[in-house]
Amino acid sequence: MRALHGGRAFDPEDPGGGSVSRGTLLRLSYALLALSALLLDQTTKALVVSRVALYASVPVIPGLFHITLVTNRGALFGWLHSLSDPYRGALFTIVPVLAIVLMLVFQYRTTIHDVITQSGLALILGGAIGNLVDRLRLGYVVDFLDLFVGDHHWPAFNVADSCICVGVAFLILDLLARSGHRQPALPPEA
């Protein structure tokens, strides 16, 4: 398939030929990844809220995974949930906004061709926005993914939390891969 621009055939080597650069396509793909994380998070939350009563549990894999609707007034996995209201609201609004700004700065400062880092930042960005939308709209975050073995439960979480964790894992993997490629330092001369 050939794209046409002004009656001319698309030529990737012609900068004036209306072609879209690889960098622009990569930026769009990272933005779409962040948007997809946000939309998947908000859609799954809306589906669960519309179908499951608060604190009800629906087995998906008995003894391992349930859909359990809970509200989370704390941070990731419920941390700091007991913080008093005026501080909690400010903290859990300001910190995510700063994290979102930081992710955008990191994305801008990271080479566009660094796919693992950019993808990790996009997932963190989409997850942070997803949870911030809940906090601004509802005053809490909707959690519903309930993993457990026997009586040992992992704190309930959501798709946004998962995206944040996967994004952080991408950043760690990228950091580890880069540290393995560094040249060893030469010993100082005596």
C-alpha atoms as a PDB file:
ATOM      1  CA  MET A   1       0.000   0.000   0.000  1.00  0.00           C
ATOM      2  CA  ARG A   2       1.357   3.426  -0.938  1.00  0.00           C
ATOM      3  CA  ALA A   3       0.399   6.608   0.848  1.00  0.00           C
ATOM      4  CA  LEU A   4      -0.213   9.667  -1.290  1.00  0.00           C
ATOM      5  CA  HIS A   5       0.534  13.244  -0.326  1.00  0.00           C
ATOM      6  CA  GLY A   6      -0.285  16.060  -2.714  1.00  0.00           C
ATOM      7  CA  GLY A   7      -0.486  13.658  -5.632  1.00  0.00           C
ATOM      8  CA  ARG A   8       2.975  12.207  -4.978  1.00  0.00           C
ATOM      9  CA  ALA A   9       3.819   8.733  -3.794  1.00  0.00           C
ATOM     10  CA  PHE A  10       4.985   8.448  -0.168  1.00  0.00           C
ATOM     11  CA  ASP A  11       8.779   8.515   0.023  1.00  0.00           C
ATOM     12  CA  PRO A  12      10.274   7.871   3.492  1.00  0.00           C
ATOM     13  CA  GLU A  13      13.586   9.435   2.390  1.00  0.00           C
ATOM     14  CA  ASP A  14      11.946  12.716   1.310  1.00  0.00           C
ATOM     15  CA  PRO A  15      11.614  15.016   4.356  1.00  0.00           C
ATOM     16  CA  GLY A  16       9.122  17.208   2.505  1.00  0.00           C
ATOM     17  CA  GLY A  17       7.085  14.291   1.219  1.00  0.00           C
ATOM     18  CA  GLY A  18       4.609  14.238   4.089  1.00  0.00           C
ATOM     19  CA  SER A  19       6.138  11.218   5.757  1.00  0.00           C
ATOM     20  CA  VAL A  20       5.780  10.633   9.470  1.00  0.00           C
ATOM     21  CA  SER A  21       9.110  10.136  11.203  1.00  0.00           C
ATOM     22  CA  ARG A  22       9.905   7.008  13.168  1.00  0.00           C
ATOM     23  CA  GLY A  23      10.342   9.178  16.267  1.00  0.00           C
ATOM     24  CA  THR A  24       6.832  10.592  15.872  1.00  0.00           C
ATOM     25  CA  LEU A  25       5.404   7.096  15.465  1.00  0.00           C
ATOM     26  CA  LEU A  26       7.245   5.944  18.581  1.00  0.00           C
ATOM     27  CA  ARG A  27       5.962   8.933  20.578  1.00  0.00           C
ATOM     28  CA  LEU A  28       2.431   8.143  19.426  1.00  0.00           C
ATOM     29  CA  SER A  29       2.837   4.489  20.371  1.00  0.00           C
ATOM     30  CA  TYR A  30       4.017   5.412  23.894  1.00  0.00           C
ATOM     31  CA  ALA A  31       1.107   7.840  24.258  1.00  0.00           C
ATOM     32  CA  LEU A  32      -1.269   5.095  23.083  1.00  0.00           C
ATOM     33  CA  LEU A  33       0.240   2.687  25.609  1.00  0.00           C
ATOM     34  CA  ALA A  34      -0.355   5.177  28.440  1.00  0.00           C
ATOM     35  CA  LEU A  35      -3.883   5.884  27.158  1.00  0.00           C
ATOM     36  CA  SER A  36      -4.601   2.146  26.843  1.00  0.00           C
ATOM     37  CA  ALA A  37      -3.486   1.572  30.443  1.00  0.00           C
ATOM     38  CA  LEU A  38      -5.753   4.409  31.587  1.00  0.00           C
ATOM     39  CA  LEU A  39      -8.754   3.200  29.569  1.00  0.00           C
ATOM     40  CA  LEU A  40      -8.322  -0.442  30.608  1.00  0.00           C
ATOM     41  CA  ASP A  41      -8.084   0.641  34.242  1.00  0.00           C
ATOM     42  CA  GLN A  42     -11.158   2.867  34.157  1.00  0.00           C
ATOM     43  CA  THR A  43     -13.191   0.366  32.103  1.00  0.00           C
ATOM     44  CA  THR A  44     -12.458  -2.577  34.404  1.00  0.00           C
ATOM     45  CA  LYS A  45     -13.262  -0.472  37.471  1.00  0.00           C
ATOM     46  CA  ALA A  46     -16.576   0.641  35.958  1.00  0.00           C
ATOM     47  CA  LEU A  47     -17.481  -2.958  35.049  1.00  0.00           C
ATOM     48  CA  VAL A  48     -16.689  -4.285  38.517  1.00  0.00           C
ATOM     49  CA  VAL A  49     -18.487  -1.430  40.306  1.00  0.00           C
ATOM     50  CA  SER A  50     -21.588  -2.006  38.156  1.00  0.00           C
ATOM     51  CA  ARG A  51     -21.668  -5.765  38.742  1.00  0.00           C
ATOM     52  CA  VAL A  52     -20.189  -6.486  42.177  1.00  0.00           C
ATOM     53  CA  ALA A  53     -21.446  -5.197  45.533  1.00  0.00           C
ATOM     54  CA  LEU A  54     -18.949  -3.429  47.792  1.00  0.00           C
ATOM     55  CA  TYR A  55     -16.911  -6.020  49.746  1.00  0.00           C
ATOM     56  CA  ALA A  56     -18.497  -8.883  47.795  1.00  0.00           C
ATOM     57  CA  SER A  57     -16.147 -11.497  46.381  1.00  0.00           C
ATOM     58  CA  VAL A  58     -16.577 -13.405  43.120  1.00  0.00           C
ATOM     59  CA  PRO A  59     -14.273 -16.434  42.715  1.00  0.00           C
ATOM     60  CA  VAL A  60     -12.349 -16.545  39.447  1.00  0.00           C
ATOM     61  CA  ILE A  61      -9.812 -19.206  40.444  1.00  0.00           C
ATOM     62  CA  PRO A  62     -10.980 -20.595  43.804  1.00  0.00           C
ATOM     63  CA  GLY A  63      -8.255 -20.544  46.430  1.00  0.00           C
ATOM     64  CA  LEU A  64      -6.079 -18.143  44.404  1.00  0.00           C
ATOM     65  CA  PHE A  65      -7.879 -15.253  42.700  1.00  0.00           C
ATOM     66  CA  HIS A  66     -11.195 -13.474  43.311  1.00  0.00           C
ATOM     67  CA  ILE A  67     -12.784 -10.251  42.151  1.00  0.00           C
ATOM     68  CA  THR A  68     -13.423  -8.442  45.452  1.00  0.00           C
ATOM     69  CA  LEU A  69     -14.676  -4.863  45.322  1.00  0.00           C
ATOM     70  CA  VAL A  70     -13.069  -2.584  47.931  1.00  0.00           C
ATOM     71  CA  THR A  71     -12.300   1.106  48.231  1.00  0.00           C
ATOM     72  CA  ASN A  72      -8.799   2.283  48.967  1.00  0.00           C
ATOM     73  CA  ARG A  73      -8.242   5.616  50.655  1.00  0.00           C
ATOM     74  CA  GLY A  74      -4.516   4.880  50.996  1.00  0.00           C
ATOM     75  CA  ALA A  75      -1.653   4.633  48.538  1.00  0.00           C
ATOM     76  CA  LEU A  76      -0.537   1.674  46.442  1.00  0.00           C
ATOM     77  CA  PHE A  77      -1.898  -1.531  48.033  1.00  0.00           C
ATOM     78  CA  GLY A  78      -3.562   0.481  50.815  1.00  0.00           C
ATOM     79  CA  TRP A  79      -0.418   1.915  52.367  1.00  0.00           C
ATOM     80  CA  LEU A  80      -1.037   4.998  54.554  1.00  0.00           C
ATOM     81  CA  HIS A  81      -4.816   4.426  54.581  1.00  0.00           C
ATOM     82  CA  SER A  82      -5.038   5.512  58.219  1.00  0.00           C
ATOM     83  CA  LEU A  83      -3.648   9.000  57.564  1.00  0.00           C
ATOM     84  CA  SER A  84      -6.197  11.651  58.600  1.00  0.00           C
ATOM     85  CA  ASP A  85      -8.379  13.208  55.900  1.00  0.00           C
ATOM     86  CA  PRO A  86      -7.040  16.705  55.290  1.00  0.00           C
ATOM     87  CA  TYR A  87      -3.500  15.376  54.898  1.00  0.00           C
ATOM     88  CA  ARG A  88      -4.478  12.241  53.000  1.00  0.00           C
ATOM     89  CA  GLY A  89      -6.443  14.142  50.361  1.00  0.00           C
ATOM     90  CA  ALA A  90      -3.656  16.632  49.756  1.00  0.00           C
ATOM     91  CA  LEU A  91      -0.900  14.011  49.830  1.00  0.00           C
ATOM     92  CA  PHE A  92      -2.680  11.605  47.478  1.00  0.00           C
ATOM     93  CA  THR A  93      -3.479  14.376  45.016  1.00  0.00           C
ATOM     94  CA  ILE A  94      -0.186  16.271  45.042  1.00  0.00           C
ATOM     95  CA  VAL A  95       2.109  13.214  44.939  1.00  0.00           C
ATOM     96  CA  PRO A  96       0.397  11.618  41.899  1.00  0.00           C
ATOM     97  CA  VAL A  97       0.393  14.957  40.054  1.00  0.00           C
ATOM     98  CA  LEU A  98       4.125  15.312  40.760  1.00  0.00           C
ATOM     99  CA  ALA A  99       4.690  11.694  39.663  1.00  0.00           C
ATOM    100  CA  ILE A 100       2.810  12.353  36.414  1.00  0.00           C
ATOM    101  CA  VAL A 101       4.896  15.477  35.737  1.00  0.00           C
ATOM    102  CA  LEU A 102       8.056  13.530  36.576  1.00  0.00           C
ATOM    103  CA  MET A 103       7.109  10.697  34.177  1.00  0.00           C
ATOM    104  CA  LEU A 104       6.516  13.253  31.412  1.00  0.00           C
ATOM    105  CA  VAL A 105       9.904  14.890  32.095  1.00  0.00           C
ATOM    106  CA  PHE A 106      11.631  11.486  32.100  1.00  0.00           C
ATOM    107  CA  GLN A 107       9.907  10.562  28.841  1.00  0.00           C
ATOM    108  CA  TYR A 108      11.026  13.820  27.273  1.00  0.00           C
ATOM    109  CA  ARG A 109      14.621  13.415  28.497  1.00  0.00           C
ATOM    110  CA  THR A 110      14.909   9.736  27.530  1.00  0.00           C
ATOM    111  CA  THR A 111      15.772   8.920  23.953  1.00  0.00           C
ATOM    112  CA  ILE A 112      12.643   8.053  22.018  1.00  0.00           C
ATOM    113  CA  HIS A 113      14.264   4.853  20.723  1.00  0.00           C
ATOM    114  CA  ASP A 114      14.762   3.467  24.249  1.00  0.00           C
ATOM    115  CA  VAL A 115      11.700   1.229  23.982  1.00  0.00           C
ATOM    116  CA  ILE A 116      11.884  -0.527  27.351  1.00  0.00           C
ATOM    117  CA  THR A 117      12.348   2.663  29.358  1.00  0.00           C
ATOM    118  CA  GLN A 118       9.763   4.611  27.376  1.00  0.00           C
ATOM    119  CA  SER A 119       7.243   1.747  27.675  1.00  0.00           C
ATOM    120  CA  GLY A 120       7.838   1.497  31.415  1.00  0.00           C
ATOM    121  CA  LEU A 121       7.343   5.247  31.829  1.00  0.00           C
ATOM    122  CA  ALA A 122       4.159   5.105  29.701  1.00  0.00           C
ATOM    123  CA  LEU A 123       2.712   2.304  31.851  1.00  0.00           C
ATOM    124  CA  ILE A 124       3.531   4.193  35.062  1.00  0.00           C
ATOM    125  CA  LEU A 125       2.007   7.342  33.571  1.00  0.00           C
ATOM    126  CA  GLY A 126      -1.220   5.581  32.542  1.00  0.00           C
ATOM    127  CA  GLY A 127      -1.524   3.871  35.933  1.00  0.00           C
ATOM    128  CA  ALA A 128      -0.857   7.061  37.883  1.00  0.00           C
ATOM    129  CA  ILE A 129      -3.461   8.962  35.877  1.00  0.00           C
ATOM    130  CA  GLY A 130      -5.968   6.112  36.341  1.00  0.00           C
ATOM    131  CA  ASN A 131      -5.701   6.186  40.117  1.00  0.00           C
ATOM    132  CA  LEU A 132      -5.655   9.999  40.187  1.00  0.00           C
ATOM    133  CA  VAL A 133      -8.920  10.067  38.207  1.00  0.00           C
ATOM    134  CA  ASP A 134     -10.515   7.888  40.919  1.00  0.00           C
ATOM    135  CA  ARG A 135      -9.211  10.088  43.733  1.00  0.00           C
ATOM    136  CA  LEU A 136     -10.423  13.288  42.106  1.00  0.00           C
ATOM    137  CA  ARG A 137     -13.788  11.825  41.088  1.00  0.00           C
ATOM    138  CA  LEU A 138     -14.569   9.604  44.085  1.00  0.00           C
ATOM    139  CA  GLY A 139     -12.181  10.552  46.887  1.00  0.00           C
ATOM    140  CA  TYR A 140     -10.758   7.004  46.904  1.00  0.00           C
ATOM    141  CA  VAL A 141      -9.404   4.373  44.507  1.00  0.00           C
ATOM    142  CA  VAL A 142     -11.449   1.364  43.419  1.00  0.00           C
ATOM    143  CA  ASP A 143      -9.553  -1.920  43.947  1.00  0.00           C
ATOM    144  CA  PHE A 144     -10.855  -5.335  42.993  1.00  0.00           C
ATOM    145  CA  LEU A 145      -8.083  -7.798  42.119  1.00  0.00           C
ATOM    146  CA  ASP A 146      -7.710 -10.149  45.086  1.00  0.00           C
ATOM    147  CA  LEU A 147      -4.805 -12.633  45.010  1.00  0.00           C
ATOM    148  CA  PHE A 148      -4.318 -15.048  47.893  1.00  0.00           C
ATOM    149  CA  VAL A 149      -3.120 -18.476  48.967  1.00  0.00           C
ATOM    150  CA  GLY A 150      -5.113 -19.966  51.820  1.00  0.00           C
ATOM    151  CA  ASP A 151      -5.634 -17.176  54.350  1.00  0.00           C
ATOM    152  CA  HIS A 152      -2.685 -15.112  53.081  1.00  0.00           C
ATOM    153  CA  HIS A 153      -4.064 -12.253  50.955  1.00  0.00           C
ATOM    154  CA  TRP A 154      -2.081  -9.766  48.927  1.00  0.00           C
ATOM    155  CA  PRO A 155      -3.727  -6.345  49.369  1.00  0.00           C
ATOM    156  CA  ALA A 156      -6.428  -5.795  46.744  1.00  0.00           C
ATOM    157  CA  PHE A 157      -5.261  -3.819  43.726  1.00  0.00           C
ATOM    158  CA  ASN A 158      -6.406  -2.723  40.275  1.00  0.00           C
ATOM    159  CA  VAL A 159      -5.193  -2.479  36.683  1.00  0.00           C
ATOM    160  CA  ALA A 160      -3.550   0.911  37.330  1.00  0.00           C
ATOM    161  CA  ASP A 161      -1.502  -0.566  40.193  1.00  0.00           C
ATOM    162  CA  SER A 162      -0.521  -3.459  37.921  1.00  0.00           C
ATOM    163  CA  CYS A 163       0.580  -1.064  35.167  1.00  0.00           C
ATOM    164  CA  ILE A 164       2.660   0.924  37.652  1.00  0.00           C
ATOM    165  CA  CYS A 165       4.356  -2.244  38.937  1.00  0.00           C
ATOM    166  CA  VAL A 166       5.024  -3.593  35.424  1.00  0.00           C
ATOM    167  CA  GLY A 167       6.354  -0.178  34.395  1.00  0.00           C
ATOM    168  CA  VAL A 168       8.717  -0.102  37.369  1.00  0.00           C
ATOM    169  CA  ALA A 169       9.825  -3.664  36.516  1.00  0.00           C
ATOM    170  CA  PHE A 170      10.621  -2.494  32.952  1.00  0.00           C
ATOM    171  CA  LEU A 171      12.726   0.367  34.342  1.00  0.00           C
ATOM    172  CA  ILE A 172      14.588  -1.992  36.689  1.00  0.00           C
ATOM    173  CA  LEU A 173      15.211  -4.521  33.901  1.00  0.00           C
ATOM    174  CA  ASP A 174      16.487  -1.764  31.646  1.00  0.00           C
ATOM    175  CA  LEU A 175      18.755  -0.452  34.403  1.00  0.00           C
ATOM    176  CA  LEU A 176      20.135  -3.941  35.053  1.00  0.00           C
ATOM    177  CA  ALA A 177      20.689  -4.549  31.339  1.00  0.00           C
ATOM    178  CA  ARG A 178      22.560  -1.263  31.016  1.00  0.00           C
ATOM    179  CA  SER A 179      24.731  -1.958  34.070  1.00  0.00           C
ATOM    180  CA  GLY A 180      25.779  -5.272  32.527  1.00  0.00           C
ATOM    181  CA  HIS A 181      27.016  -3.476  29.378  1.00  0.00           C
ATOM    182  CA  ARG A 182      29.202  -0.920  31.145  1.00  0.00           C
ATOM    183  CA  GLN A 183      32.928  -1.100  30.719  1.00  0.00           C
ATOM    184  CA  PRO A 184      34.773  -1.918  33.951  1.00  0.00           C
ATOM    185  CA  ALA A 185      36.637   1.012  35.422  1.00  0.00           C
ATOM    186  CA  LEU A 186      40.370   0.943  34.958  1.00  0.00           C
ATOM    187  CA  PRO A 187      42.377   0.774  38.181  1.00  0.00           C
ATOM    188  CA  PRO A 188      44.120   4.012  39.099  1.00  0.00           C
ATOM    189  CA  GLU A 189      47.729   4.270  38.032  1.00  0.00           C
ATOM    190  CA  ALA A 190      50.257   3.873  40.829  1.00  0.00           C
END
